[in-house]
Amino acid sequence: MPTATLSFGQPINISVQPGDMVLYCPTTISSGFSTAPQSDVIMIGACLTITPARLTMTVDHAAGANLPADDDFILFSKDKYSNPSGILGYYAKICFRNNSTEEAELFGVNADTFESSK
């Protein structure tokens, strides 16, 4: 498959790593905001490399695929099997600390748990 090099003016998100799927979405200006419908998201292909400065990435794409324009929104997706998230195991301990000398209020805390075996 051919490759394409995507260059960015700002560093690429630190979470992006080789193997992630790279997608893009053409944007339009509406009321001063860049918008795009979710149905317009187009997959480019897998990320192959990212430069150390995180300003360019090489992406594997299908021959003849349309590549993003300069003003398109670039996003990425991780494989849920290779990059699982959440707490694994039977025990979790969480500690919240306020290192500030000023009073602070915690608005809310969430936990996503499920019984994995029995």
C-alpha atoms as a PDB file:
ATOM      1  CA  MET A   1       0.000   0.000   0.000  1.00  0.00           C
ATOM      2  CA  PRO A   2       1.177   3.547  -0.609  1.00  0.00           C
ATOM      3  CA  THR A   3       2.019   5.897   2.240  1.00  0.00           C
ATOM      4  CA  ALA A   4       1.261   9.552   2.864  1.00  0.00           C
ATOM      5  CA  THR A   5       3.021  12.007   5.145  1.00  0.00           C
ATOM      6  CA  LEU A   6       0.758  14.298   7.171  1.00  0.00           C
ATOM      7  CA  SER A   7       2.353  17.459   8.596  1.00  0.00           C
ATOM      8  CA  PHE A   8       0.939  19.536  11.437  1.00  0.00           C
ATOM      9  CA  GLY A   9       1.589  23.029  12.813  1.00  0.00           C
ATOM     10  CA  GLN A  10       1.198  21.808  16.411  1.00  0.00           C
ATOM     11  CA  PRO A  11       2.524  18.589  17.991  1.00  0.00           C
ATOM     12  CA  ILE A  12       0.404  15.501  17.401  1.00  0.00           C
ATOM     13  CA  ASN A  13      -1.592  14.258  20.396  1.00  0.00           C
ATOM     14  CA  ILE A  14       0.707  12.318  22.721  1.00  0.00           C
ATOM     15  CA  SER A  15      -1.741   9.373  22.735  1.00  0.00           C
ATOM     16  CA  VAL A  16      -1.281   8.650  19.025  1.00  0.00           C
ATOM     17  CA  GLN A  17       1.104   5.771  18.375  1.00  0.00           C
ATOM     18  CA  PRO A  18       2.008   3.630  15.382  1.00  0.00           C
ATOM     19  CA  GLY A  19      -0.772   1.153  14.670  1.00  0.00           C
ATOM     20  CA  ASP A  20      -3.616   3.565  15.466  1.00  0.00           C
ATOM     21  CA  MET A  21      -6.143   4.185  12.691  1.00  0.00           C
ATOM     22  CA  VAL A  22      -6.040   7.738  11.280  1.00  0.00           C
ATOM     23  CA  LEU A  23      -9.245   9.343  10.010  1.00  0.00           C
ATOM     24  CA  TYR A  24     -10.246  12.776   8.749  1.00  0.00           C
ATOM     25  CA  CYS A  25     -13.368  14.834   8.263  1.00  0.00           C
ATOM     26  CA  PRO A  26     -13.883  17.774   5.872  1.00  0.00           C
ATOM     27  CA  THR A  27     -15.037  20.832   7.808  1.00  0.00           C
ATOM     28  CA  THR A  28     -17.272  23.776   6.979  1.00  0.00           C
ATOM     29  CA  ILE A  29     -17.639  27.123   8.735  1.00  0.00           C
ATOM     30  CA  SER A  30     -21.036  27.648  10.363  1.00  0.00           C
ATOM     31  CA  SER A  31     -21.698  30.671  12.595  1.00  0.00           C
ATOM     32  CA  GLY A  32     -17.960  31.198  13.015  1.00  0.00           C
ATOM     33  CA  PHE A  33     -17.251  27.595  14.060  1.00  0.00           C
ATOM     34  CA  SER A  34     -15.683  24.729  12.108  1.00  0.00           C
ATOM     35  CA  THR A  35     -18.259  21.953  11.963  1.00  0.00           C
ATOM     36  CA  ALA A  36     -18.511  18.529  10.375  1.00  0.00           C
ATOM     37  CA  PRO A  37     -21.190  15.852  10.465  1.00  0.00           C
ATOM     38  CA  GLN A  38     -20.135  12.540  11.971  1.00  0.00           C
ATOM     39  CA  SER A  39     -21.292  10.771   8.803  1.00  0.00           C
ATOM     40  CA  ASP A  40     -18.499  12.512   6.822  1.00  0.00           C
ATOM     41  CA  VAL A  41     -15.623  10.823   8.698  1.00  0.00           C
ATOM     42  CA  ILE A  42     -13.253   9.076   6.253  1.00  0.00           C
ATOM     43  CA  MET A  43     -10.626   6.506   7.234  1.00  0.00           C
ATOM     44  CA  ILE A  44      -7.155   7.076   5.790  1.00  0.00           C
ATOM     45  CA  GLY A  45      -5.365   4.047   7.236  1.00  0.00           C
ATOM     46  CA  ALA A  46      -2.941   2.923   9.906  1.00  0.00           C
ATOM     47  CA  CYS A  47      -0.299   5.234  11.377  1.00  0.00           C
ATOM     48  CA  LEU A  48       3.135   3.827  10.524  1.00  0.00           C
ATOM     49  CA  THR A  49       5.560   6.342  12.053  1.00  0.00           C
ATOM     50  CA  ILE A  50       5.578   9.590  14.029  1.00  0.00           C
ATOM     51  CA  THR A  51       8.610  11.876  14.085  1.00  0.00           C
ATOM     52  CA  PRO A  52      10.218  12.559  17.483  1.00  0.00           C
ATOM     53  CA  ALA A  53       9.078  16.209  17.350  1.00  0.00           C
ATOM     54  CA  ARG A  54       5.511  14.884  16.767  1.00  0.00           C
ATOM     55  CA  LEU A  55       4.911  17.284  13.847  1.00  0.00           C
ATOM     56  CA  THR A  56       4.591  14.685  11.052  1.00  0.00           C
ATOM     57  CA  MET A  57       3.254  11.170  10.712  1.00  0.00           C
ATOM     58  CA  THR A  58       3.382   8.584   7.958  1.00  0.00           C
ATOM     59  CA  VAL A  59       0.082   6.866   7.208  1.00  0.00           C
ATOM     60  CA  ASP A  60      -0.601   3.734   5.166  1.00  0.00           C
ATOM     61  CA  HIS A  61      -3.556   4.281   2.806  1.00  0.00           C
ATOM     62  CA  ALA A  62      -5.357   2.512  -0.018  1.00  0.00           C
ATOM     63  CA  ALA A  63      -4.273   3.304  -3.577  1.00  0.00           C
ATOM     64  CA  GLY A  64      -6.474   6.040  -5.031  1.00  0.00           C
ATOM     65  CA  ALA A  65      -7.842   7.080  -1.621  1.00  0.00           C
ATOM     66  CA  ASN A  66      -8.688  10.745  -1.140  1.00  0.00           C
ATOM     67  CA  LEU A  67      -6.280  12.337   1.318  1.00  0.00           C
ATOM     68  CA  PRO A  68      -7.194  15.188   3.688  1.00  0.00           C
ATOM     69  CA  ALA A  69      -6.944  18.839   2.696  1.00  0.00           C
ATOM     70  CA  ASP A  70      -5.064  21.375   4.852  1.00  0.00           C
ATOM     71  CA  ASP A  71      -8.206  22.510   6.709  1.00  0.00           C
ATOM     72  CA  ASP A  72      -9.690  19.038   7.359  1.00  0.00           C
ATOM     73  CA  PHE A  73     -10.027  17.742  10.917  1.00  0.00           C
ATOM     74  CA  ILE A  74      -7.685  14.791  11.625  1.00  0.00           C
ATOM     75  CA  LEU A  75      -8.583  12.267  14.304  1.00  0.00           C
ATOM     76  CA  PHE A  76      -7.437   8.816  15.376  1.00  0.00           C
ATOM     77  CA  SER A  77      -8.878   5.606  16.756  1.00  0.00           C
ATOM     78  CA  LYS A  78      -7.249   2.996  18.939  1.00  0.00           C
ATOM     79  CA  ASP A  79      -7.818  -0.751  18.710  1.00  0.00           C
ATOM     80  CA  LYS A  80      -9.852  -1.710  21.787  1.00  0.00           C
ATOM     81  CA  TYR A  81      -8.149  -5.113  21.994  1.00  0.00           C
ATOM     82  CA  SER A  82      -4.552  -3.850  21.785  1.00  0.00           C
ATOM     83  CA  ASN A  83      -5.126  -0.788  23.991  1.00  0.00           C
ATOM     84  CA  PRO A  84      -7.670  -1.733  26.662  1.00  0.00           C
ATOM     85  CA  SER A  85      -8.644   0.883  29.197  1.00  0.00           C
ATOM     86  CA  GLY A  86     -10.005   0.557  32.658  1.00  0.00           C
ATOM     87  CA  ILE A  87      -8.894  -1.040  35.857  1.00  0.00           C
ATOM     88  CA  LEU A  88      -7.924  -4.702  35.660  1.00  0.00           C
ATOM     89  CA  GLY A  89      -7.847  -7.074  38.617  1.00  0.00           C
ATOM     90  CA  TYR A  90      -9.740  -7.468  41.847  1.00  0.00           C
ATOM     91  CA  TYR A  91      -8.503  -4.490  43.798  1.00  0.00           C
ATOM     92  CA  ALA A  92      -8.176  -0.770  43.196  1.00  0.00           C
ATOM     93  CA  LYS A  93      -7.093   1.951  45.599  1.00  0.00           C
ATOM     94  CA  ILE A  94      -7.631   5.618  44.796  1.00  0.00           C
ATOM     95  CA  CYS A  95      -6.382   8.632  46.721  1.00  0.00           C
ATOM     96  CA  PHE A  96      -7.361  12.243  46.007  1.00  0.00           C
ATOM     97  CA  ARG A  97      -5.069  14.973  47.328  1.00  0.00           C
ATOM     98  CA  ASN A  98      -5.415  18.732  47.263  1.00  0.00           C
ATOM     99  CA  ASN A  99      -1.881  20.143  47.180  1.00  0.00           C
ATOM    100  CA  SER A 100      -3.186  23.701  47.044  1.00  0.00           C
ATOM    101  CA  THR A 101      -3.349  25.944  50.109  1.00  0.00           C
ATOM    102  CA  GLU A 102      -6.762  27.155  48.943  1.00  0.00           C
ATOM    103  CA  GLU A 103     -10.057  25.387  49.466  1.00  0.00           C
ATOM    104  CA  ALA A 104     -11.157  23.219  46.550  1.00  0.00           C
ATOM    105  CA  GLU A 105     -14.360  21.327  45.843  1.00  0.00           C
ATOM    106  CA  LEU A 106     -14.573  17.999  44.051  1.00  0.00           C
ATOM    107  CA  PHE A 107     -17.626  18.035  41.815  1.00  0.00           C
ATOM    108  CA  GLY A 108     -17.923  14.324  41.080  1.00  0.00           C
ATOM    109  CA  VAL A 109     -16.142  10.999  40.832  1.00  0.00           C
ATOM    110  CA  ASN A 110     -17.116   8.116  38.549  1.00  0.00           C
ATOM    111  CA  ALA A 111     -16.096   4.477  38.504  1.00  0.00           C
ATOM    112  CA  ASP A 112     -16.872   2.015  35.735  1.00  0.00           C
ATOM    113  CA  THR A 113     -16.782  -1.467  37.251  1.00  0.00           C
ATOM    114  CA  PHE A 114     -18.085  -4.876  36.357  1.00  0.00           C
ATOM    115  CA  GLU A 115     -17.711  -8.371  37.678  1.00  0.00           C
ATOM    116  CA  SER A 116     -15.311 -10.186  35.345  1.00  0.00           C
ATOM    117  CA  SER A 117     -15.340 -13.660  36.866  1.00  0.00           C
ATOM    118  CA  LYS A 118     -17.120 -15.793  39.406  1.00  0.00           C
END
